[in-house]
Amino acid sequence: MSTLTRPSVTEEPTRTKPRRLRGLLWLVARQHRAVLLACAAAIVFGSAWIIYQRHGLLHDAHAAGLPATPVDEVDGALRMRLENTFNDVASYVGYLPMLFGLFLGAPLLASDHENGTARLVTTQSVPRGRWLLWKLGFALVLVAVTTAVLGALLTWYWHAARPFVSIDWLEASIFDSTGPVLLTTALFTTSLGIVIGALVRRAVTAMTLTFFGTFAFSVVFDYLKPHLATPRRVAFPLDGAHPAVLNGSVQVDQWVGTASGKLYGWSTCVSDADSDGCRARKGIVNSVWDYFGYDQMATLQWTAAALLLVASAALLALAVWRTRRQAF
């Protein structure tokens, strides 16, 4: 008669193998492992570089006597070096949105269509919608994590470097690379590349069109930035000193005006032989500036970020609609 035996309590339990990436996550990660590794390297080395440069700036500033010594009294060569260093770091970080659009967004769907991977995956009991979800989710999370980390660190660096940076903060090297704008711009350019790839279904063609599309976007975005909020206006004597409210501000427009508030173009009477007499006849006594105060920077950035998120969502919706309807 046979009997059932139980394993001895002294026997070692079966060891479970460590869980590894499986299914679509494994496929997507393997397909884009070069971009994944590049982003990991960018986060590690980029973060270390920004932290190192910020530490060096604070060390040099303290050695120069700051904050007890006014910035204007600091050696000019030192101020220029600190400013150039920050501008270099901000410029390199500012390339991220274009790089994501070119090397992640554009080939994300186009390569799968061109190589037949999309057809193969969706014939292996994988619904088309699920495949799209994993592809888009992987790309967007990768972009968001990379730009969030580096953008936050660059903003931290900017707060320390601001006294030495003479350029206005509405320019691309500051406005586009700090706060929420870097992240949302990268999401937009990546979404632009994705939708172009879904439409043309050729990787190289999609990358080329994404490059020109990103360039066109940067031109339009630079034009729209001053229109994201209402600038302030201040009038002060024509030959007088700038009022304190203009410290750290960005000039949007400039006028000359009368005491009653009538405005003329800033070049009025400049080319006249008797410029003083011309101004006296017109009653011009004030210089008038339209400007954004530094306290408006956050408002401008968050407004731009919201618009970019809406535009990104619209582009992704178009890419999903197009991919779900077209034949593989």
Protein backbone atom coordinates (compact mmCIF):
# COMPACT_ATOMS: atom_id res chain seq x y z
CA MET A 1 0.00 0.00 0.00
CA SER A 2 1.35 3.36 -0.96
CA THR A 3 1.51 6.21 1.50
CA LEU A 4 1.75 9.91 1.00
CA THR A 5 4.86 11.48 2.37
CA ARG A 6 5.37 15.06 3.25
CA PRO A 7 8.63 16.86 2.79
CA SER A 8 10.71 17.09 5.90
CA VAL A 9 10.50 20.35 7.78
CA THR A 10 14.27 20.46 7.73
CA GLU A 11 14.37 20.69 3.95
CA GLU A 12 15.21 24.11 2.56
CA PRO A 13 12.29 25.88 0.85
CA THR A 14 12.52 26.29 -2.88
CA ARG A 15 14.22 29.56 -3.73
CA THR A 16 12.21 31.87 -5.90
CA LYS A 17 13.99 33.46 -8.80
CA PRO A 18 14.21 37.26 -8.80
CA ARG A 19 11.48 38.86 -10.85
CA ARG A 20 12.60 40.41 -14.09
CA LEU A 21 11.02 42.63 -16.68
CA ARG A 22 8.48 40.73 -18.71
CA GLY A 23 6.08 41.29 -21.56
CA LEU A 24 5.69 44.69 -23.14
CA LEU A 25 7.72 46.43 -20.44
CA TRP A 26 10.69 44.21 -21.26
CA LEU A 27 10.17 44.75 -25.00
CA VAL A 28 9.90 48.54 -24.76
CA ALA A 29 12.87 48.81 -22.39
CA ARG A 30 14.97 46.61 -24.66
CA GLN A 31 13.97 48.52 -27.79
CA HIS A 32 14.94 51.84 -26.26
CA ARG A 33 17.74 50.72 -23.97
CA ALA A 34 20.18 53.19 -25.55
CA VAL A 35 17.89 56.14 -24.71
CA LEU A 36 17.23 54.67 -21.26
CA LEU A 37 20.94 54.43 -20.51
CA ALA A 38 21.57 57.89 -21.95
CA CYS A 39 18.89 59.38 -19.69
CA ALA A 40 20.29 57.60 -16.65
CA ALA A 41 23.75 58.95 -17.47
CA ALA A 42 22.34 62.44 -18.05
CA ILE A 43 20.65 62.40 -14.64
CA VAL A 44 23.71 61.14 -12.77
CA PHE A 45 26.42 63.18 -14.48
CA GLY A 46 24.23 66.22 -15.14
CA SER A 47 23.17 66.39 -11.50
CA ALA A 48 26.74 66.04 -10.32
CA TRP A 49 27.88 68.75 -12.75
CA ILE A 50 25.20 71.24 -11.66
CA ILE A 51 25.83 70.61 -7.96
CA TYR A 52 29.58 70.99 -8.48
CA GLN A 53 29.20 74.26 -10.42
CA ARG A 54 26.83 75.70 -7.84
CA HIS A 55 29.21 74.79 -5.05
CA GLY A 56 32.06 76.46 -6.95
CA LEU A 57 29.97 79.61 -7.46
CA LEU A 58 29.16 79.89 -3.76
CA HIS A 59 32.80 79.28 -2.83
CA ASP A 60 34.03 82.02 -5.18
CA ALA A 61 31.29 84.39 -4.05
CA HIS A 62 32.16 83.94 -0.38
CA ALA A 63 35.85 84.36 -1.16
CA ALA A 64 35.01 87.67 -2.86
CA GLY A 65 33.30 88.91 0.30
CA LEU A 66 29.66 88.28 -0.59
CA PRO A 67 27.07 88.87 0.69
CA ALA A 68 28.66 91.66 2.73
CA THR A 69 30.24 93.18 -0.41
CA PRO A 70 27.81 94.52 -3.05
CA VAL A 71 27.82 92.54 -6.31
CA ASP A 72 28.77 95.67 -8.28
CA GLU A 73 32.04 95.87 -6.33
CA VAL A 74 33.05 92.28 -7.10
CA ASP A 75 35.87 91.85 -9.63
CA GLY A 76 34.47 92.08 -13.15
CA ALA A 77 36.45 89.10 -14.42
CA LEU A 78 35.04 86.92 -11.65
CA ARG A 79 31.48 88.02 -12.36
CA MET A 80 31.90 87.31 -16.06
CA ARG A 81 33.34 83.86 -15.37
CA LEU A 82 30.49 82.93 -13.03
CA GLU A 83 27.92 84.22 -15.51
CA ASN A 84 29.48 82.36 -18.45
CA THR A 85 29.63 79.14 -16.45
CA PHE A 86 25.96 79.32 -15.56
CA ASN A 87 24.99 80.18 -19.14
CA ASP A 88 26.95 77.17 -20.43
CA VAL A 89 25.22 74.80 -18.01
CA ALA A 90 21.78 76.26 -18.81
CA SER A 91 22.43 76.02 -22.55
CA TYR A 92 23.36 72.35 -22.38
CA VAL A 93 20.31 71.53 -20.28
CA GLY A 94 18.20 73.53 -22.73
CA TYR A 95 19.08 71.09 -25.53
CA LEU A 96 17.16 68.26 -23.81
CA PRO A 97 13.72 68.98 -25.34
CA MET A 98 15.08 68.89 -28.89
CA LEU A 99 17.09 65.74 -28.19
CA PHE A 100 14.05 63.98 -26.75
CA GLY A 101 11.95 64.97 -29.73
CA LEU A 102 14.55 63.77 -32.23
CA PHE A 103 15.84 60.56 -30.68
CA LEU A 104 12.89 59.36 -28.61
CA GLY A 105 9.68 60.89 -29.90
CA ALA A 106 10.22 60.73 -33.66
CA PRO A 107 11.35 57.05 -33.90
CA LEU A 108 9.09 55.78 -31.09
CA LEU A 109 6.24 54.68 -33.38
CA ALA A 110 7.85 55.29 -36.77
CA SER A 111 10.55 52.65 -36.23
CA ASP A 112 8.02 50.02 -35.19
CA HIS A 113 5.95 50.69 -38.31
CA GLU A 114 8.98 50.76 -40.57
CA ASN A 115 10.55 47.57 -39.20
CA GLY A 116 7.30 45.64 -38.82
CA THR A 117 7.62 45.39 -35.03
CA ALA A 118 4.16 46.88 -34.54
CA ARG A 119 2.58 44.24 -36.75
CA LEU A 120 4.46 41.45 -34.98
CA VAL A 121 3.57 42.64 -31.48
CA THR A 122 -0.11 43.17 -32.19
CA THR A 123 -0.46 39.69 -33.69
CA GLN A 124 0.83 38.06 -30.49
CA SER A 125 -2.41 38.48 -28.51
CA VAL A 126 -1.47 42.07 -27.60
CA PRO A 127 -4.21 44.63 -28.24
CA ARG A 128 -3.13 47.67 -30.21
CA GLY A 129 -4.30 50.01 -27.44
CA ARG A 130 -2.18 48.22 -24.84
CA TRP A 131 0.88 48.39 -27.07
CA LEU A 132 0.34 52.13 -27.54
CA LEU A 133 -0.13 52.65 -23.81
CA TRP A 134 3.19 51.03 -22.96
CA LYS A 135 5.09 52.81 -25.72
CA LEU A 136 3.76 56.27 -24.90
CA GLY A 137 3.89 55.74 -21.16
CA PHE A 138 7.53 54.62 -21.26
CA ALA A 139 8.57 57.64 -23.34
CA LEU A 140 6.68 60.23 -21.31
CA VAL A 141 7.82 58.89 -17.93
CA LEU A 142 11.43 58.83 -19.11
CA VAL A 143 11.19 62.41 -20.35
CA ALA A 144 9.41 63.62 -17.23
CA VAL A 145 11.87 62.06 -14.77
CA THR A 146 14.98 63.28 -16.59
CA THR A 147 13.82 66.86 -17.11
CA ALA A 148 12.21 67.14 -13.66
CA VAL A 149 15.47 66.25 -11.91
CA LEU A 150 17.76 68.39 -14.04
CA GLY A 151 15.27 71.28 -14.25
CA ALA A 152 14.85 71.38 -10.47
CA LEU A 153 18.62 71.38 -9.94
CA LEU A 154 19.15 74.10 -12.55
CA THR A 155 16.47 76.25 -10.87
CA TRP A 156 18.30 75.75 -7.57
CA TYR A 157 21.53 76.81 -9.28
CA TRP A 158 19.81 79.84 -10.88
CA HIS A 159 18.68 81.19 -7.50
CA ALA A 160 22.31 81.27 -6.40
CA ALA A 161 23.69 82.60 -9.70
CA ARG A 162 21.04 85.26 -10.34
CA PRO A 163 23.05 88.19 -8.86
CA PHE A 164 25.84 87.47 -11.36
CA VAL A 165 23.74 86.81 -14.45
CA SER A 166 23.17 90.02 -16.37
CA ILE A 167 20.96 88.64 -19.14
CA ASP A 168 17.20 89.01 -18.72
CA TRP A 169 15.38 86.00 -17.34
CA LEU A 170 12.82 85.94 -20.18
CA GLU A 171 15.47 84.66 -22.58
CA ALA A 172 15.60 80.97 -23.41
CA SER A 173 18.64 80.05 -21.32
CA ILE A 174 16.76 81.02 -18.13
CA PHE A 175 13.03 80.94 -18.77
CA ASP A 176 12.97 77.76 -20.87
CA SER A 177 15.35 75.73 -18.70
CA THR A 178 14.08 76.43 -15.17
CA GLY A 179 10.86 75.85 -13.28
CA PRO A 180 8.14 73.78 -14.98
CA VAL A 181 8.96 74.97 -18.50
CA LEU A 182 11.82 72.54 -19.21
CA LEU A 183 9.68 69.51 -18.35
CA THR A 184 6.61 70.64 -20.30
CA THR A 185 8.67 71.76 -23.29
CA ALA A 186 10.32 68.34 -23.43
CA LEU A 187 6.91 66.66 -23.23
CA PHE A 188 5.69 68.86 -26.09
CA THR A 189 8.67 68.21 -28.38
CA THR A 190 8.49 64.48 -27.62
CA SER A 191 4.75 64.48 -28.39
CA LEU A 192 5.45 66.42 -31.58
CA GLY A 193 7.98 63.79 -32.64
CA ILE A 194 5.55 60.98 -31.78
CA VAL A 195 2.72 62.39 -33.86
CA ILE A 196 5.01 63.11 -36.80
CA GLY A 197 6.33 59.55 -36.61
CA ALA A 198 2.79 58.18 -36.50
CA LEU A 199 1.90 60.18 -39.61
CA VAL A 200 4.95 59.58 -41.82
CA ARG A 201 5.91 56.09 -40.46
CA ARG A 202 9.56 56.52 -41.46
CA ALA A 203 12.10 57.12 -38.69
CA VAL A 204 14.63 59.29 -40.55
CA THR A 205 11.91 61.36 -42.20
CA ALA A 206 10.19 61.81 -38.84
CA MET A 207 13.43 62.92 -37.18
CA THR A 208 14.08 65.46 -39.94
CA LEU A 209 10.58 66.91 -39.73
CA THR A 210 10.75 66.95 -35.93
CA PHE A 211 13.97 68.97 -36.07
CA PHE A 212 12.40 71.65 -38.24
CA GLY A 213 9.16 71.51 -36.26
CA THR A 214 11.04 72.01 -32.98
CA PHE A 215 12.94 74.95 -34.45
CA ALA A 216 9.68 76.55 -35.64
CA PHE A 217 8.15 75.97 -32.21
CA SER A 218 11.08 77.73 -30.50
CA VAL A 219 10.61 80.79 -32.73
CA VAL A 220 6.86 80.94 -32.04
CA PHE A 221 7.37 80.32 -28.32
CA ASP A 222 9.86 83.20 -28.05
CA TYR A 223 7.28 85.46 -29.67
CA LEU A 224 4.46 84.31 -27.38
CA LYS A 225 6.31 84.55 -24.05
CA PRO A 226 5.81 88.33 -23.57
CA HIS A 227 2.07 87.83 -24.19
CA LEU A 228 1.54 85.27 -21.42
CA ALA A 229 0.84 87.97 -18.83
CA THR A 230 0.09 91.68 -18.71
CA PRO A 231 3.23 93.81 -18.39
CA ARG A 232 3.41 96.63 -15.90
CA ARG A 233 4.09 100.26 -16.81
CA VAL A 234 6.18 102.86 -15.03
CA ALA A 235 7.01 106.47 -15.94
CA PHE A 236 10.01 108.40 -14.64
CA PRO A 237 11.82 111.62 -15.61
CA LEU A 238 13.43 111.45 -19.03
CA ASP A 239 16.94 112.12 -17.72
CA GLY A 240 16.37 110.60 -14.30
CA ALA A 241 17.60 107.36 -12.77
CA HIS A 242 15.67 104.16 -13.17
CA PRO A 243 13.26 103.55 -10.28
CA ALA A 244 13.90 100.65 -7.94
CA VAL A 245 10.92 98.68 -9.29
CA LEU A 246 12.90 98.04 -12.48
CA ASN A 247 15.65 96.14 -10.64
CA GLY A 248 15.61 92.57 -11.88
CA SER A 249 12.87 93.37 -14.38
CA VAL A 250 12.65 92.59 -18.09
CA GLN A 251 11.86 95.46 -20.42
CA VAL A 252 9.07 94.68 -22.90
CA ASP A 253 8.61 98.08 -24.57
CA GLN A 254 9.79 101.66 -24.18
CA TRP A 255 8.11 104.98 -24.84
CA VAL A 256 8.48 108.68 -24.13
CA GLY A 257 5.53 110.61 -22.81
CA THR A 258 4.10 113.90 -21.64
CA ALA A 259 3.07 114.81 -18.12
CA SER A 260 -0.56 114.21 -19.11
CA GLY A 261 0.21 110.63 -20.15
CA LYS A 262 0.34 110.98 -23.94
CA LEU A 263 2.84 108.50 -25.40
CA TYR A 264 5.27 108.79 -28.31
CA GLY A 265 7.68 106.28 -29.80
CA TRP A 266 10.99 106.10 -27.94
CA SER A 267 12.88 107.50 -30.95
CA THR A 268 10.72 110.62 -31.18
CA CYS A 269 12.90 113.74 -31.56
CA VAL A 270 16.11 111.64 -31.40
CA SER A 271 17.11 112.43 -34.99
CA ASP A 272 15.94 116.03 -34.80
CA ALA A 273 18.71 118.65 -34.95
CA ASP A 274 17.16 120.44 -31.97
CA SER A 275 16.03 117.42 -29.95
CA ASP A 276 15.52 119.40 -26.75
CA GLY A 277 13.37 121.95 -28.55
CA CYS A 278 11.40 119.16 -30.25
CA ARG A 279 10.66 117.53 -26.88
CA ALA A 280 9.70 120.89 -25.37
CA ARG A 281 7.20 121.58 -28.18
CA LYS A 282 5.60 118.16 -27.73
CA GLY A 283 5.75 118.31 -23.95
CA ILE A 284 7.85 115.16 -23.62
CA VAL A 285 9.18 114.91 -20.09
CA ASN A 286 9.03 111.21 -19.14
CA SER A 287 10.52 107.92 -20.12
CA VAL A 288 7.88 105.17 -20.00
CA TRP A 289 8.66 101.46 -19.70
CA ASP A 290 6.49 98.39 -20.06
CA TYR A 291 8.13 95.63 -18.05
CA PHE A 292 7.76 92.32 -16.26
CA GLY A 293 8.87 92.28 -12.64
CA TYR A 294 10.86 89.34 -11.35
CA ASP A 295 7.88 88.36 -9.19
CA GLN A 296 5.93 87.72 -12.43
CA MET A 297 8.38 85.07 -13.64
CA ALA A 298 6.54 82.22 -11.90
CA THR A 299 3.20 83.32 -13.38
CA LEU A 300 4.66 83.44 -16.87
CA GLN A 301 6.32 80.04 -16.50
CA TRP A 302 3.27 78.24 -15.12
CA THR A 303 1.05 79.78 -17.80
CA ALA A 304 3.47 78.57 -20.47
CA ALA A 305 3.63 75.13 -18.83
CA ALA A 306 -0.16 74.81 -18.82
CA LEU A 307 -0.40 75.71 -22.51
CA LEU A 308 2.36 73.26 -23.39
CA LEU A 309 0.63 70.46 -21.46
CA VAL A 310 -2.62 71.08 -23.31
CA ALA A 311 -0.80 71.11 -26.65
CA SER A 312 1.05 67.89 -25.75
CA ALA A 313 -2.19 66.15 -24.82
CA ALA A 314 -3.72 67.20 -28.14
CA LEU A 315 -0.73 65.87 -30.10
CA LEU A 316 -0.76 62.56 -28.23
CA ALA A 317 -4.49 62.18 -28.83
CA LEU A 318 -3.88 62.73 -32.54
CA ALA A 319 -1.09 60.14 -32.53
CA VAL A 320 -3.27 57.56 -30.76
CA TRP A 321 -6.23 58.22 -33.07
CA ARG A 322 -4.06 57.94 -36.17
CA THR A 323 -2.28 54.77 -35.03
CA ARG A 324 -5.47 52.98 -34.00
CA ARG A 325 -7.13 53.70 -37.34
CA GLN A 326 -4.31 52.96 -39.76
CA ALA A 327 -3.44 49.50 -40.98
CA PHE A 328 -0.11 47.96 -39.93
